[in-house]
Amino acid sequence: HDRQRHRGESLLFADVVKDLKSGRERGCFRVVLSGGEPTL
């Protein structure tokens, strides 16, 4: 359902860290890493 977003790029490490921090600010202790295909 997400094909149109598959443009081939990976998010910048700094942007990922910013997102991770926002989850901790919401009180989350569990994070789910996804994509696309996150192993890429």
ModelCIF file with pLDDT and N, C-alpha, C, O atoms, coordinates in Angstrom:
data_MODEL
#
_entry.id   MODEL 
#
_entity.id                         1 
_entity.type                       polymer 
_entity.pdbx_number_of_molecules   1 
#
_entity_poly.entity_id                      1 
_entity_poly.type                           'polypeptide(L)' 
_entity_poly.nstd_linkage                   no 
_entity_poly.nstd_monomer                   no 
_entity_poly.pdbx_seq_one_letter_code       HDRQRHRGESLLFADVVKDLKSGRERGCFRVVLSGGEPTL 
_entity_poly.pdbx_seq_one_letter_code_can   HDRQRHRGESLLFADVVKDLKSGRERGCFRVVLSGGEPTL 
_entity_poly.pdbx_strand_id                 A 
#
loop_
_entity_poly_seq.entity_id 
_entity_poly_seq.num 
_entity_poly_seq.mon_id 
_entity_poly_seq.hetero 
1 1  HIS n 
1 2  ASP n 
1 3  ARG n 
1 4  GLN n 
1 5  ARG n 
1 6  HIS n 
1 7  ARG n 
1 8  GLY n 
1 9  GLU n 
1 10 SER n 
1 11 LEU n 
1 12 LEU n 
1 13 PHE n 
1 14 ALA n 
1 15 ASP n 
1 16 VAL n 
1 17 VAL n 
1 18 LYS n 
1 19 ASP n 
1 20 LEU n 
1 21 LYS n 
1 22 SER n 
1 23 GLY n 
1 24 ARG n 
1 25 GLU n 
1 26 ARG n 
1 27 GLY n 
1 28 CYS n 
1 29 PHE n 
1 30 ARG n 
1 31 VAL n 
1 32 VAL n 
1 33 LEU n 
1 34 SER n 
1 35 GLY n 
1 36 GLY n 
1 37 GLU n 
1 38 PRO n 
1 39 THR n 
1 40 LEU n 
#
_struct_asym.id          A 
_struct_asym.entity_id   1 
#
loop_
_ma_qa_metric.id 
_ma_qa_metric.mode 
_ma_qa_metric.name 
_ma_qa_metric.software_group_id 
_ma_qa_metric.type 
1 global pLDDT . pLDDT 
2 local  pLDDT . pLDDT 
#
_ma_qa_metric_global.metric_id      1 
_ma_qa_metric_global.metric_value   93.92 
_ma_qa_metric_global.model_id       1 
_ma_qa_metric_global.ordinal_id     1 
#
loop_
_ma_qa_metric_local.label_asym_id 
_ma_qa_metric_local.label_comp_id 
_ma_qa_metric_local.label_seq_id 
_ma_qa_metric_local.metric_id 
_ma_qa_metric_local.metric_value 
_ma_qa_metric_local.model_id 
_ma_qa_metric_local.ordinal_id 
A HIS 1  2 88.00 1 1  
A ASP 2  2 85.00 1 2  
A ARG 3  2 80.00 1 3  
A GLN 4  2 79.00 1 4  
A ARG 5  2 81.00 1 5  
A HIS 6  2 82.00 1 6  
A ARG 7  2 86.00 1 7  
A GLY 8  2 86.00 1 8  
A GLU 9  2 92.00 1 9  
A SER 10 2 95.00 1 10 
A LEU 11 2 96.00 1 11 
A LEU 12 2 97.00 1 12 
A PHE 13 2 98.00 1 13 
A ALA 14 2 98.00 1 14 
A ASP 15 2 98.00 1 15 
A VAL 16 2 98.00 1 16 
A VAL 17 2 98.00 1 17 
A LYS 18 2 98.00 1 18 
A ASP 19 2 98.00 1 19 
A LEU 20 2 98.00 1 20 
A LYS 21 2 98.00 1 21 
A SER 22 2 97.00 1 22 
A GLY 23 2 96.00 1 23 
A ARG 24 2 97.00 1 24 
A GLU 25 2 96.00 1 25 
A ARG 26 2 93.00 1 26 
A GLY 27 2 95.00 1 27 
A CYS 28 2 95.00 1 28 
A PHE 29 2 96.00 1 29 
A ARG 30 2 97.00 1 30 
A VAL 31 2 98.00 1 31 
A VAL 32 2 98.00 1 32 
A LEU 33 2 98.00 1 33 
A SER 34 2 97.00 1 34 
A GLY 35 2 93.00 1 35 
A GLY 36 2 93.00 1 36 
A GLU 37 2 97.00 1 37 
A PRO 38 2 97.00 1 38 
A THR 39 2 98.00 1 39 
A LEU 40 2 97.00 1 40 
#
loop_
_atom_site.group_PDB 
_atom_site.id 
_atom_site.type_symbol 
_atom_site.label_atom_id 
_atom_site.label_alt_id 
_atom_site.label_comp_id 
_atom_site.label_asym_id 
_atom_site.label_entity_id 
_atom_site.label_seq_id 
_atom_site.pdbx_PDB_ins_code 
_atom_site.Cartn_x 
_atom_site.Cartn_y 
_atom_site.Cartn_z 
_atom_site.occupancy 
_atom_site.B_iso_or_equiv 
_atom_site.pdbx_formal_charge 
_atom_site.auth_seq_id 
_atom_site.auth_comp_id 
_atom_site.auth_asym_id 
_atom_site.auth_atom_id 
_atom_site.pdbx_PDB_model_num 
ATOM 1   N N  . HIS A 1 1  ? 0.824  -1.211 0.000  1.00 88.00 ? 1  HIS A N  1 
ATOM 2   C CA . HIS A 1 1  ? 0.000  0.000  0.000  1.00 88.00 ? 1  HIS A CA 1 
ATOM 3   C C  . HIS A 1 1  ? 0.857  1.260  0.000  1.00 88.00 ? 1  HIS A C  1 
ATOM 4   O O  . HIS A 1 1  ? 0.338  2.376  -0.021 1.00 88.00 ? 1  HIS A O  1 
ATOM 5   N N  . ASP A 1 2  ? 2.178  1.070  0.023  1.00 85.00 ? 2  ASP A N  1 
ATOM 6   C CA . ASP A 1 2  ? 3.101  2.178  0.237  1.00 85.00 ? 2  ASP A CA 1 
ATOM 7   C C  . ASP A 1 2  ? 4.063  2.387  -0.927 1.00 85.00 ? 2  ASP A C  1 
ATOM 8   O O  . ASP A 1 2  ? 5.056  3.102  -0.797 1.00 85.00 ? 2  ASP A O  1 
ATOM 9   N N  . ARG A 1 3  ? 3.768  1.763  -2.057 1.00 80.00 ? 3  ARG A N  1 
ATOM 10  C CA . ARG A 1 3  ? 4.709  1.744  -3.174 1.00 80.00 ? 3  ARG A CA 1 
ATOM 11  C C  . ARG A 1 3  ? 5.133  3.145  -3.629 1.00 80.00 ? 3  ARG A C  1 
ATOM 12  O O  . ARG A 1 3  ? 6.296  3.365  -3.966 1.00 80.00 ? 3  ARG A O  1 
ATOM 13  N N  . GLN A 1 4  ? 4.195  4.080  -3.636 1.00 79.00 ? 4  GLN A N  1 
ATOM 14  C CA . GLN A 1 4  ? 4.515  5.410  -4.158 1.00 79.00 ? 4  GLN A CA 1 
ATOM 15  C C  . GLN A 1 4  ? 5.582  6.133  -3.339 1.00 79.00 ? 4  GLN A C  1 
ATOM 16  O O  . GLN A 1 4  ? 6.199  7.088  -3.813 1.00 79.00 ? 4  GLN A O  1 
ATOM 17  N N  . ARG A 1 5  ? 5.794  5.666  -2.098 1.00 81.00 ? 5  ARG A N  1 
ATOM 18  C CA . ARG A 1 5  ? 6.808  6.299  -1.254 1.00 81.00 ? 5  ARG A CA 1 
ATOM 19  C C  . ARG A 1 5  ? 8.186  5.668  -1.422 1.00 81.00 ? 5  ARG A C  1 
ATOM 20  O O  . ARG A 1 5  ? 9.171  6.182  -0.893 1.00 81.00 ? 5  ARG A O  1 
ATOM 21  N N  . HIS A 1 6  ? 8.261  4.570  -2.145 1.00 82.00 ? 6  HIS A N  1 
ATOM 22  C CA . HIS A 1 6  ? 9.539  3.864  -2.290 1.00 82.00 ? 6  HIS A CA 1 
ATOM 23  C C  . HIS A 1 6  ? 10.391 4.519  -3.374 1.00 82.00 ? 6  HIS A C  1 
ATOM 24  O O  . HIS A 1 6  ? 10.404 4.099  -4.532 1.00 82.00 ? 6  HIS A O  1 
ATOM 25  N N  . ARG A 1 7  ? 11.094 5.553  -2.956 1.00 86.00 ? 7  ARG A N  1 
ATOM 26  C CA . ARG A 1 7  ? 11.924 6.306  -3.901 1.00 86.00 ? 7  ARG A CA 1 
ATOM 27  C C  . ARG A 1 7  ? 13.399 5.924  -3.797 1.00 86.00 ? 7  ARG A C  1 
ATOM 28  O O  . ARG A 1 7  ? 14.243 6.469  -4.508 1.00 86.00 ? 7  ARG A O  1 
ATOM 29  N N  . GLY A 1 8  ? 13.700 4.976  -2.895 1.00 86.00 ? 8  GLY A N  1 
ATOM 30  C CA . GLY A 1 8  ? 15.056 4.447  -2.841 1.00 86.00 ? 8  GLY A CA 1 
ATOM 31  C C  . GLY A 1 8  ? 15.962 5.021  -1.786 1.00 86.00 ? 8  GLY A C  1 
ATOM 32  O O  . GLY A 1 8  ? 17.101 4.574  -1.654 1.00 86.00 ? 8  GLY A O  1 
ATOM 33  N N  . GLU A 1 9  ? 15.494 6.007  -1.021 1.00 92.00 ? 9  GLU A N  1 
ATOM 34  C CA . GLU A 1 9  ? 16.417 6.649  -0.080 1.00 92.00 ? 9  GLU A CA 1 
ATOM 35  C C  . GLU A 1 9  ? 16.217 6.145  1.348  1.00 92.00 ? 9  GLU A C  1 
ATOM 36  O O  . GLU A 1 9  ? 15.162 5.618  1.701  1.00 92.00 ? 9  GLU A O  1 
ATOM 37  N N  . SER A 1 10 ? 17.253 6.321  2.149  1.00 95.00 ? 10 SER A N  1 
ATOM 38  C CA . SER A 1 10 ? 17.203 6.063  3.580  1.00 95.00 ? 10 SER A CA 1 
ATOM 39  C C  . SER A 1 10 ? 17.166 7.397  4.308  1.00 95.00 ? 10 SER A C  1 
ATOM 40  O O  . SER A 1 10 ? 17.738 8.380  3.838  1.00 95.00 ? 10 SER A O  1 
ATOM 41  N N  . LEU A 1 11 ? 16.497 7.435  5.449  1.00 96.00 ? 11 LEU A N  1 
ATOM 42  C CA . LEU A 1 11 ? 16.436 8.654  6.223  1.00 96.00 ? 11 LEU A CA 1 
ATOM 43  C C  . LEU A 1 11 ? 17.797 8.954  6.851  1.00 96.00 ? 11 LEU A C  1 
ATOM 44  O O  . LEU A 1 11 ? 18.548 8.042  7.195  1.00 96.00 ? 11 LEU A O  1 
ATOM 45  N N  . LEU A 1 12 ? 18.097 10.224 6.992  1.00 97.00 ? 12 LEU A N  1 
ATOM 46  C CA . LEU A 1 12 ? 19.356 10.628 7.598  1.00 97.00 ? 12 LEU A CA 1 
ATOM 47  C C  . LEU A 1 12 ? 19.397 10.175 9.056  1.00 97.00 ? 12 LEU A C  1 
ATOM 48  O O  . LEU A 1 12 ? 18.378 10.176 9.747  1.00 97.00 ? 12 LEU A O  1 
ATOM 49  N N  . PHE A 1 13 ? 20.577 9.793  9.508  1.00 98.00 ? 13 PHE A N  1 
ATOM 50  C CA . PHE A 1 13 ? 20.737 9.327  10.883 1.00 98.00 ? 13 PHE A CA 1 
ATOM 51  C C  . PHE A 1 13 ? 20.236 10.375 11.878 1.00 98.00 ? 13 PHE A C  1 
ATOM 52  O O  . PHE A 1 13 ? 19.586 10.029 12.864 1.00 98.00 ? 13 PHE A O  1 
ATOM 53  N N  . ALA A 1 14 ? 20.532 11.649 11.630 1.00 98.00 ? 14 ALA A N  1 
ATOM 54  C CA . ALA A 1 14 ? 20.107 12.724 12.536 1.00 98.00 ? 14 ALA A CA 1 
ATOM 55  C C  . ALA A 1 14 ? 18.592 12.797 12.627 1.00 98.00 ? 14 ALA A C  1 
ATOM 56  O O  . ALA A 1 14 ? 18.047 13.043 13.703 1.00 98.00 ? 14 ALA A O  1 
ATOM 57  N N  . ASP A 1 15 ? 17.900 12.584 11.497 1.00 98.00 ? 15 ASP A N  1 
ATOM 58  C CA . ASP A 1 15 ? 16.437 12.624 11.501 1.00 98.00 ? 15 ASP A CA 1 
ATOM 59  C C  . ASP A 1 15 ? 15.862 11.416 12.242 1.00 98.00 ? 15 ASP A C  1 
ATOM 60  O O  . ASP A 1 15 ? 14.844 11.529 12.924 1.00 98.00 ? 15 ASP A O  1 
ATOM 61  N N  . VAL A 1 16 ? 16.513 10.268 12.107 1.00 98.00 ? 16 VAL A N  1 
ATOM 62  C CA . VAL A 1 16 ? 16.068 9.078  12.827 1.00 98.00 ? 16 VAL A CA 1 
ATOM 63  C C  . VAL A 1 16 ? 16.219 9.292  14.335 1.00 98.00 ? 16 VAL A C  1 
ATOM 64  O O  . VAL A 1 16 ? 15.330 8.946  15.112 1.00 98.00 ? 16 VAL A O  1 
ATOM 65  N N  . VAL A 1 17 ? 17.347 9.862  14.736 1.00 98.00 ? 17 VAL A N  1 
ATOM 66  C CA . VAL A 1 17 ? 17.583 10.121 16.165 1.00 98.00 ? 17 VAL A CA 1 
ATOM 67  C C  . VAL A 1 17 ? 16.538 11.089 16.705 1.00 98.00 ? 17 VAL A C  1 
ATOM 68  O O  . VAL A 1 17 ? 16.034 10.904 17.813 1.00 98.00 ? 17 VAL A O  1 
ATOM 69  N N  . LYS A 1 18 ? 16.212 12.112 15.936 1.00 98.00 ? 18 LYS A N  1 
ATOM 70  C CA . LYS A 1 18 ? 15.183 13.073 16.343 1.00 98.00 ? 18 LYS A CA 1 
ATOM 71  C C  . LYS A 1 18 ? 13.854 12.367 16.560 1.00 98.00 ? 18 LYS A C  1 
ATOM 72  O O  . LYS A 1 18 ? 13.148 12.644 17.530 1.00 98.00 ? 18 LYS A O  1 
ATOM 73  N N  . ASP A 1 19 ? 13.515 11.453 15.654 1.00 98.00 ? 19 ASP A N  1 
ATOM 74  C CA . ASP A 1 19 ? 12.279 10.682 15.779 1.00 98.00 ? 19 ASP A CA 1 
ATOM 75  C C  . ASP A 1 19 ? 12.321 9.774  17.003 1.00 98.00 ? 19 ASP A C  1 
ATOM 76  O O  . ASP A 1 19 ? 11.339 9.677  17.740 1.00 98.00 ? 19 ASP A O  1 
ATOM 77  N N  . LEU A 1 20 ? 13.446 9.114  17.219 1.00 98.00 ? 20 LEU A N  1 
ATOM 78  C CA . LEU A 1 20 ? 13.601 8.258  18.398 1.00 98.00 ? 20 LEU A CA 1 
ATOM 79  C C  . LEU A 1 20 ? 13.407 9.058  19.688 1.00 98.00 ? 20 LEU A C  1 
ATOM 80  O O  . LEU A 1 20 ? 12.760 8.586  20.623 1.00 98.00 ? 20 LEU A O  1 
ATOM 81  N N  . LYS A 1 21 ? 13.961 10.255 19.734 1.00 98.00 ? 21 LYS A N  1 
ATOM 82  C CA . LYS A 1 21 ? 13.828 11.100 20.921 1.00 98.00 ? 21 LYS A CA 1 
ATOM 83  C C  . LYS A 1 21 ? 12.378 11.511 21.152 1.00 98.00 ? 21 LYS A C  1 
ATOM 84  O O  . LYS A 1 21 ? 11.933 11.607 22.295 1.00 98.00 ? 21 LYS A O  1 
ATOM 85  N N  . SER A 1 22 ? 11.647 11.752 20.078 1.00 97.00 ? 22 SER A N  1 
ATOM 86  C CA . SER A 1 22 ? 10.241 12.147 20.233 1.00 97.00 ? 22 SER A CA 1 
ATOM 87  C C  . SER A 1 22 ? 9.423  11.021 20.857 1.00 97.00 ? 22 SER A C  1 
ATOM 88  O O  . SER A 1 22 ? 8.487  11.270 21.618 1.00 97.00 ? 22 SER A O  1 
ATOM 89  N N  . GLY A 1 23 ? 9.784  9.777  20.529 1.00 96.00 ? 23 GLY A N  1 
ATOM 90  C CA . GLY A 1 23 ? 9.096  8.634  21.145 1.00 96.00 ? 23 GLY A CA 1 
ATOM 91  C C  . GLY A 1 23 ? 9.370  8.535  22.632 1.00 96.00 ? 23 GLY A C  1 
ATOM 92  O O  . GLY A 1 23 ? 8.474  8.232  23.420 1.00 96.00 ? 23 GLY A O  1 
ATOM 93  N N  . ARG A 1 24 ? 10.607 8.791  23.009 1.00 97.00 ? 24 ARG A N  1 
ATOM 94  C CA . ARG A 1 24 ? 10.946 8.755  24.439 1.00 97.00 ? 24 ARG A CA 1 
ATOM 95  C C  . ARG A 1 24 ? 10.236 9.882  25.185 1.00 97.00 ? 24 ARG A C  1 
ATOM 96  O O  . ARG A 1 24 ? 9.834  9.712  26.337 1.00 97.00 ? 24 ARG A O  1 
ATOM 97  N N  . GLU A 1 25 ? 10.082 11.030 24.528 1.00 96.00 ? 25 GLU A N  1 
ATOM 98  C CA . GLU A 1 25 ? 9.369  12.150 25.150 1.00 96.00 ? 25 GLU A CA 1 
ATOM 99  C C  . GLU A 1 25 ? 7.898  11.813 25.378 1.00 96.00 ? 25 GLU A C  1 
ATOM 100 O O  . GLU A 1 25 ? 7.265  12.349 26.287 1.00 96.00 ? 25 GLU A O  1 
ATOM 101 N N  . ARG A 1 26 ? 7.360  10.921 24.543 1.00 93.00 ? 26 ARG A N  1 
ATOM 102 C CA . ARG A 1 26 ? 5.971  10.465 24.738 1.00 93.00 ? 26 ARG A CA 1 
ATOM 103 C C  . ARG A 1 26 ? 5.867  9.369  25.787 1.00 93.00 ? 26 ARG A C  1 
ATOM 104 O O  . ARG A 1 26 ? 4.772  8.899  26.098 1.00 93.00 ? 26 ARG A O  1 
ATOM 105 N N  . GLY A 1 27 ? 6.998  8.966  26.327 1.00 95.00 ? 27 GLY A N  1 
ATOM 106 C CA . GLY A 1 27 ? 7.001  7.946  27.372 1.00 95.00 ? 27 GLY A CA 1 
ATOM 107 C C  . GLY A 1 27 ? 7.086  6.532  26.855 1.00 95.00 ? 27 GLY A C  1 
ATOM 108 O O  . GLY A 1 27 ? 6.774  5.588  27.581 1.00 95.00 ? 27 GLY A O  1 
ATOM 109 N N  . CYS A 1 28 ? 7.505  6.362  25.608 1.00 95.00 ? 28 CYS A N  1 
ATOM 110 C CA . CYS A 1 28 ? 7.599  5.023  25.028 1.00 95.00 ? 28 CYS A CA 1 
ATOM 111 C C  . CYS A 1 28 ? 8.926  4.370  25.400 1.00 95.00 ? 28 CYS A C  1 
ATOM 112 O O  . CYS A 1 28 ? 9.981  5.003  25.364 1.00 95.00 ? 28 CYS A O  1 
ATOM 113 N N  . PHE A 1 29 ? 8.850  3.100  25.756 1.00 96.00 ? 29 PHE A N  1 
ATOM 114 C CA . PHE A 1 29 ? 10.054 2.313  26.031 1.00 96.00 ? 29 PHE A CA 1 
ATOM 115 C C  . PHE A 1 29 ? 10.233 1.199  24.997 1.00 96.00 ? 29 PHE A C  1 
ATOM 116 O O  . PHE A 1 29 ? 11.176 0.412  25.071 1.00 96.00 ? 29 PHE A O  1 
ATOM 117 N N  . ARG A 1 30 ? 9.320  1.149  24.043 1.00 97.00 ? 30 ARG A N  1 
ATOM 118 C CA . ARG A 1 30 ? 9.392  0.133  22.992 1.00 97.00 ? 30 ARG A CA 1 
ATOM 119 C C  . ARG A 1 30 ? 9.373  0.838  21.647 1.00 97.00 ? 30 ARG A C  1 
ATOM 120 O O  . ARG A 1 30 ? 8.492  1.658  21.392 1.00 97.00 ? 30 ARG A O  1 
ATOM 121 N N  . VAL A 1 31 ? 10.326 0.533  20.789 1.00 98.00 ? 31 VAL A N  1 
ATOM 122 C CA . VAL A 1 31 ? 10.382 1.157  19.482 1.00 98.00 ? 31 VAL A CA 1 
ATOM 123 C C  . VAL A 1 31 ? 10.325 0.076  18.409 1.00 98.00 ? 31 VAL A C  1 
ATOM 124 O O  . VAL A 1 31 ? 10.915 -0.995 18.551 1.00 98.00 ? 31 VAL A O  1 
ATOM 125 N N  . VAL A 1 32 ? 9.601  0.378  17.332 1.00 98.00 ? 32 VAL A N  1 
ATOM 126 C CA . VAL A 1 32 ? 9.474  -0.525 16.192 1.00 98.00 ? 32 VAL A CA 1 
ATOM 127 C C  . VAL A 1 32 ? 10.107 0.155  14.989 1.00 98.00 ? 32 VAL A C  1 
ATOM 128 O O  . VAL A 1 32 ? 9.655  1.218  14.563 1.00 98.00 ? 32 VAL A O  1 
ATOM 129 N N  . LEU A 1 33 ? 11.145 -0.451 14.444 1.00 98.00 ? 33 LEU A N  1 
ATOM 130 C CA . LEU A 1 33 ? 11.862 0.084  13.284 1.00 98.00 ? 33 LEU A CA 1 
ATOM 131 C C  . LEU A 1 33 ? 11.297 -0.547 12.025 1.00 98.00 ? 33 LEU A C  1 
ATOM 132 O O  . LEU A 1 33 ? 11.269 -1.770 11.890 1.00 98.00 ? 33 LEU A O  1 
ATOM 133 N N  . SER A 1 34 ? 10.843 0.305  11.093 1.00 97.00 ? 34 SER A N  1 
ATOM 134 C CA . SER A 1 34 ? 10.212 -0.221 9.887  1.00 97.00 ? 34 SER A CA 1 
ATOM 135 C C  . SER A 1 34 ? 10.675 0.560  8.673  1.00 97.00 ? 34 SER A C  1 
ATOM 136 O O  . SER A 1 34 ? 11.566 1.404  8.770  1.00 97.00 ? 34 SER A O  1 
ATOM 137 N N  . GLY A 1 35 ? 10.067 0.278  7.533  1.00 93.00 ? 35 GLY A N  1 
ATOM 138 C CA . GLY A 1 35 ? 10.420 0.964  6.303  1.00 93.00 ? 35 GLY A CA 1 
ATOM 139 C C  . GLY A 1 35 ? 9.166  1.280  5.511  1.00 93.00 ? 35 GLY A C  1 
ATOM 140 O O  . GLY A 1 35 ? 8.150  1.681  6.077  1.00 93.00 ? 35 GLY A O  1 
ATOM 141 N N  . GLY A 1 36 ? 9.240  1.098  4.199  1.00 93.00 ? 36 GLY A N  1 
ATOM 142 C CA . GLY A 1 36 ? 10.151 0.353  3.390  1.00 93.00 ? 36 GLY A CA 1 
ATOM 143 C C  . GLY A 1 36 ? 10.693 -0.907 4.064  1.00 93.00 ? 36 GLY A C  1 
ATOM 144 O O  . GLY A 1 36 ? 10.043 -1.566 4.876  1.00 93.00 ? 36 GLY A O  1 
ATOM 145 N N  . GLU A 1 37 ? 11.916 -1.187 3.669  1.00 97.00 ? 37 GLU A N  1 
ATOM 146 C CA . GLU A 1 37 ? 12.635 -2.326 4.244  1.00 97.00 ? 37 GLU A CA 1 
ATOM 147 C C  . GLU A 1 37 ? 13.777 -1.783 5.100  1.00 97.00 ? 37 GLU A C  1 
ATOM 148 O O  . GLU A 1 37 ? 14.775 -1.308 4.558  1.00 97.00 ? 37 GLU A O  1 
ATOM 149 N N  . PRO A 1 38 ? 13.650 -1.845 6.432  1.00 97.00 ? 38 PRO A N  1 
ATOM 150 C CA . PRO A 1 38 ? 14.622 -1.186 7.316  1.00 97.00 ? 38 PRO A CA 1 
ATOM 151 C C  . PRO A 1 38 ? 16.021 -1.777 7.267  1.00 97.00 ? 38 PRO A C  1 
ATOM 152 O O  . PRO A 1 38 ? 16.987 -1.088 7.596  1.00 97.00 ? 38 PRO A O  1 
ATOM 153 N N  . THR A 1 39 ? 16.157 -3.039 6.862  1.00 98.00 ? 39 THR A N  1 
ATOM 154 C CA . THR A 1 39 ? 17.500 -3.644 6.819  1.00 98.00 ? 39 THR A CA 1 
ATOM 155 C C  . THR A 1 39 ? 18.352 -3.052 5.705  1.00 98.00 ? 39 THR A C  1 
ATOM 156 O O  . THR A 1 39 ? 19.551 -3.323 5.642  1.00 98.00 ? 39 THR A O  1 
ATOM 157 N N  . LEU A 1 40 ? 17.753 -2.243 4.819  1.00 97.00 ? 40 LEU A N  1 
ATOM 158 C CA . LEU A 1 40 ? 18.512 -1.595 3.758  1.00 97.00 ? 40 LEU A CA 1 
ATOM 159 C C  . LEU A 1 40 ? 19.181 -0.306 4.243  1.00 97.00 ? 40 LEU A C  1 
ATOM 160 O O  . LEU A 1 40 ? 19.862 0.365  3.468  1.00 97.00 ? 40 LEU A O  1 
#
